């Protein structure tokens, strides 16, 4: 499953260093043994990039990555989850953030046909 993870500027998170022996991060896989516990033990991530900003500021010195989750998952799929096994696929550059978030909004299903506020028939027909 594709997801997103935030890191400090040095590719660490909660004291864990995600760099390999040669200093790279991309392509590295990380595994933990033991029982997962949200906010206590596990590698935390979000399915949507914008949710990561609840935990890491959207500033140029923080690092963000697209990851592939391979292990067990616990948590809230609409917010933060954690796993015991994931791979860092690629760094999400600061300049890409707005485009990735907009992609999720523009590909949303049902926005143009929404029923709701003051009987609007949809965003385009409001």
C-alpha atoms as a PDB file:
ATOM      1  CA  UNK A   1       0.000   0.000   0.000  1.00  0.00           C
ATOM      2  CA  UNK A   2       1.309   3.459  -0.925  1.00  0.00           C
ATOM      3  CA  UNK A   3       1.405   6.027   1.899  1.00  0.00           C
ATOM      4  CA  UNK A   4       3.408   9.019   3.159  1.00  0.00           C
ATOM      5  CA  UNK A   5       5.760   9.572   6.085  1.00  0.00           C
ATOM      6  CA  UNK A   6       7.382  12.641   7.587  1.00  0.00           C
ATOM      7  CA  UNK A   7      10.926  12.894   8.934  1.00  0.00           C
ATOM      8  CA  UNK A   8      13.172  15.433  10.561  1.00  0.00           C
ATOM      9  CA  UNK A   9      15.703  17.193   8.300  1.00  0.00           C
ATOM     10  CA  UNK A  10      18.291  14.440   8.959  1.00  0.00           C
ATOM     11  CA  UNK A  11      15.912  11.554   8.034  1.00  0.00           C
ATOM     12  CA  UNK A  12      15.249  10.646  11.656  1.00  0.00           C
ATOM     13  CA  UNK A  13      11.950  10.248  13.463  1.00  0.00           C
ATOM     14  CA  UNK A  14      11.545   9.713  17.215  1.00  0.00           C
ATOM     15  CA  UNK A  15      15.222   8.809  17.564  1.00  0.00           C
ATOM     16  CA  UNK A  16      15.230   6.237  14.746  1.00  0.00           C
ATOM     17  CA  UNK A  17      17.706   6.958  11.932  1.00  0.00           C
ATOM     18  CA  UNK A  18      16.322   5.858   8.557  1.00  0.00           C
ATOM     19  CA  UNK A  19      19.612   6.261   6.670  1.00  0.00           C
ATOM     20  CA  UNK A  20      21.475   3.115   5.641  1.00  0.00           C
ATOM     21  CA  UNK A  21      25.184   2.539   6.287  1.00  0.00           C
ATOM     22  CA  UNK A  22      26.057   4.336   3.054  1.00  0.00           C
ATOM     23  CA  UNK A  23      23.834   7.306   3.990  1.00  0.00           C
ATOM     24  CA  UNK A  24      21.028   6.654   1.523  1.00  0.00           C
ATOM     25  CA  UNK A  25      17.352   6.451   2.393  1.00  0.00           C
ATOM     26  CA  UNK A  26      15.610   5.761  -0.903  1.00  0.00           C
ATOM     27  CA  UNK A  27      14.976   2.047  -1.320  1.00  0.00           C
ATOM     28  CA  UNK A  28      15.705   1.293   2.314  1.00  0.00           C
ATOM     29  CA  UNK A  29      13.376  -1.115   4.114  1.00  0.00           C
ATOM     30  CA  UNK A  30      12.712  -0.920   7.837  1.00  0.00           C
ATOM     31  CA  UNK A  31      11.302  -3.640  10.090  1.00  0.00           C
ATOM     32  CA  UNK A  32      10.459  -3.889  13.777  1.00  0.00           C
ATOM     33  CA  UNK A  33       9.716  -6.850  16.005  1.00  0.00           C
ATOM     34  CA  UNK A  34       7.217  -6.632  18.813  1.00  0.00           C
ATOM     35  CA  UNK A  35       3.647  -5.501  19.341  1.00  0.00           C
ATOM     36  CA  UNK A  36       2.600  -2.309  17.531  1.00  0.00           C
ATOM     37  CA  UNK A  37       1.090   0.475  19.612  1.00  0.00           C
ATOM     38  CA  UNK A  38      -0.138   3.679  17.996  1.00  0.00           C
ATOM     39  CA  UNK A  39       1.869   6.692  19.218  1.00  0.00           C
ATOM     40  CA  UNK A  40       4.202   4.397  21.180  1.00  0.00           C
ATOM     41  CA  UNK A  41       5.752   1.690  19.017  1.00  0.00           C
ATOM     42  CA  UNK A  42       5.845   1.346  15.260  1.00  0.00           C
ATOM     43  CA  UNK A  43       6.624   3.304  12.126  1.00  0.00           C
ATOM     44  CA  UNK A  44       3.927   5.950  11.765  1.00  0.00           C
ATOM     45  CA  UNK A  45       2.522   7.088   8.419  1.00  0.00           C
ATOM     46  CA  UNK A  46      -0.559   8.585   6.745  1.00  0.00           C
ATOM     47  CA  UNK A  47      -2.388   7.446   3.632  1.00  0.00           C
ATOM     48  CA  UNK A  48      -2.835  11.072   2.524  1.00  0.00           C
ATOM     49  CA  UNK A  49       0.091  13.463   2.382  1.00  0.00           C
ATOM     50  CA  UNK A  50      -1.882  16.363   3.872  1.00  0.00           C
ATOM     51  CA  UNK A  51      -2.483  14.337   7.063  1.00  0.00           C
ATOM     52  CA  UNK A  52       1.288  14.130   7.655  1.00  0.00           C
ATOM     53  CA  UNK A  53       1.302  17.897   8.256  1.00  0.00           C
ATOM     54  CA  UNK A  54      -0.618  17.348  11.484  1.00  0.00           C
ATOM     55  CA  UNK A  55       2.609  15.799  12.782  1.00  0.00           C
ATOM     56  CA  UNK A  56       5.344  17.496  10.735  1.00  0.00           C
ATOM     57  CA  UNK A  57       5.254  21.118   9.655  1.00  0.00           C
ATOM     58  CA  UNK A  58       5.043  21.863   5.940  1.00  0.00           C
ATOM     59  CA  UNK A  59       8.436  23.547   5.932  1.00  0.00           C
ATOM     60  CA  UNK A  60      11.393  23.081   3.606  1.00  0.00           C
ATOM     61  CA  UNK A  61      13.726  21.589   6.197  1.00  0.00           C
ATOM     62  CA  UNK A  62      11.461  18.617   7.022  1.00  0.00           C
ATOM     63  CA  UNK A  63      11.680  15.546   4.795  1.00  0.00           C
ATOM     64  CA  UNK A  64       8.670  13.728   3.344  1.00  0.00           C
ATOM     65  CA  UNK A  65       8.608  10.410   1.528  1.00  0.00           C
ATOM     66  CA  UNK A  66       6.299   8.169  -0.398  1.00  0.00           C
ATOM     67  CA  UNK A  67       6.487   4.754   1.201  1.00  0.00           C
ATOM     68  CA  UNK A  68       5.264   1.241   0.510  1.00  0.00           C
ATOM     69  CA  UNK A  69       3.780  -0.454   3.563  1.00  0.00           C
ATOM     70  CA  UNK A  70       4.505  -4.185   3.708  1.00  0.00           C
ATOM     71  CA  UNK A  71       3.668  -5.168   7.273  1.00  0.00           C
ATOM     72  CA  UNK A  72       0.875  -5.223   9.780  1.00  0.00           C
ATOM     73  CA  UNK A  73      -1.112  -1.964  10.092  1.00  0.00           C
ATOM     74  CA  UNK A  74      -2.937  -0.513  13.070  1.00  0.00           C
ATOM     75  CA  UNK A  75      -4.536   2.899  13.581  1.00  0.00           C
ATOM     76  CA  UNK A  76      -7.002   5.157  11.825  1.00  0.00           C
ATOM     77  CA  UNK A  77      -6.943   5.007   7.988  1.00  0.00           C
ATOM     78  CA  UNK A  78      -8.316   8.567   7.881  1.00  0.00           C
ATOM     79  CA  UNK A  79      -5.441   9.902  10.003  1.00  0.00           C
ATOM     80  CA  UNK A  80      -2.335   8.265  11.456  1.00  0.00           C
ATOM     81  CA  UNK A  81      -1.446   4.583  11.308  1.00  0.00           C
ATOM     82  CA  UNK A  82       1.631   2.553  12.099  1.00  0.00           C
ATOM     83  CA  UNK A  83       3.300  -0.528  10.707  1.00  0.00           C
ATOM     84  CA  UNK A  84       6.169  -2.831  11.535  1.00  0.00           C
ATOM     85  CA  UNK A  85       7.532  -3.039   7.962  1.00  0.00           C
ATOM     86  CA  UNK A  86       7.841  -0.449   5.180  1.00  0.00           C
ATOM     87  CA  UNK A  87      10.096   0.711   2.380  1.00  0.00           C
ATOM     88  CA  UNK A  88      11.000   4.280   1.447  1.00  0.00           C
ATOM     89  CA  UNK A  89      10.159   4.577  -2.264  1.00  0.00           C
ATOM     90  CA  UNK A  90      11.083   8.193  -2.971  1.00  0.00           C
ATOM     91  CA  UNK A  91      11.477  11.593  -1.394  1.00  0.00           C
ATOM     92  CA  UNK A  92       8.586  13.971  -1.953  1.00  0.00           C
ATOM     93  CA  UNK A  93      10.215  17.290  -2.762  1.00  0.00           C
ATOM     94  CA  UNK A  94       8.785  20.404  -1.137  1.00  0.00           C
ATOM     95  CA  UNK A  95       7.813  21.753  -4.559  1.00  0.00           C
ATOM     96  CA  UNK A  96       5.625  18.663  -5.210  1.00  0.00           C
ATOM     97  CA  UNK A  97       3.504  18.888  -2.078  1.00  0.00           C
ATOM     98  CA  UNK A  98       0.782  21.182  -3.432  1.00  0.00           C
ATOM     99  CA  UNK A  99       0.451  19.138  -6.635  1.00  0.00           C
ATOM    100  CA  UNK A 100       0.105  15.837  -4.760  1.00  0.00           C
ATOM    101  CA  UNK A 101      -2.534  17.255  -2.429  1.00  0.00           C
ATOM    102  CA  UNK A 102      -4.407  18.859  -5.343  1.00  0.00           C
ATOM    103  CA  UNK A 103      -4.346  15.524  -7.204  1.00  0.00           C
ATOM    104  CA  UNK A 104      -6.256  13.938  -4.320  1.00  0.00           C
ATOM    105  CA  UNK A 105      -8.826  16.743  -4.340  1.00  0.00           C
ATOM    106  CA  UNK A 106      -9.289  16.770  -8.115  1.00  0.00           C
ATOM    107  CA  UNK A 107      -9.681  12.979  -8.258  1.00  0.00           C
ATOM    108  CA  UNK A 108     -12.254  12.912  -5.435  1.00  0.00           C
ATOM    109  CA  UNK A 109     -15.428  11.051  -6.295  1.00  0.00           C
ATOM    110  CA  UNK A 110     -18.774  12.739  -5.751  1.00  0.00           C
ATOM    111  CA  UNK A 111     -17.702  16.349  -5.247  1.00  0.00           C
ATOM    112  CA  UNK A 112     -19.514  17.638  -8.328  1.00  0.00           C
ATOM    113  CA  UNK A 113     -22.676  15.723  -7.441  1.00  0.00           C
ATOM    114  CA  UNK A 114     -22.703  16.606  -3.738  1.00  0.00           C
ATOM    115  CA  UNK A 115     -26.035  17.253  -2.066  1.00  0.00           C
ATOM    116  CA  UNK A 116     -25.938  19.458   0.983  1.00  0.00           C
ATOM    117  CA  UNK A 117     -25.377  23.030   1.977  1.00  0.00           C
ATOM    118  CA  UNK A 118     -28.513  25.041   1.252  1.00  0.00           C
ATOM    119  CA  UNK A 119     -29.741  22.428  -1.248  1.00  0.00           C
ATOM    120  CA  UNK A 120     -26.749  22.944  -3.560  1.00  0.00           C
ATOM    121  CA  UNK A 121     -26.669  20.406  -6.363  1.00  0.00           C
ATOM    122  CA  UNK A 122     -22.908  20.322  -6.428  1.00  0.00           C
ATOM    123  CA  UNK A 123     -19.868  22.526  -6.366  1.00  0.00           C
ATOM    124  CA  UNK A 124     -20.135  23.417 -10.066  1.00  0.00           C
ATOM    125  CA  UNK A 125     -23.894  24.056  -9.891  1.00  0.00           C
ATOM    126  CA  UNK A 126     -24.046  25.826  -6.501  1.00  0.00           C
END
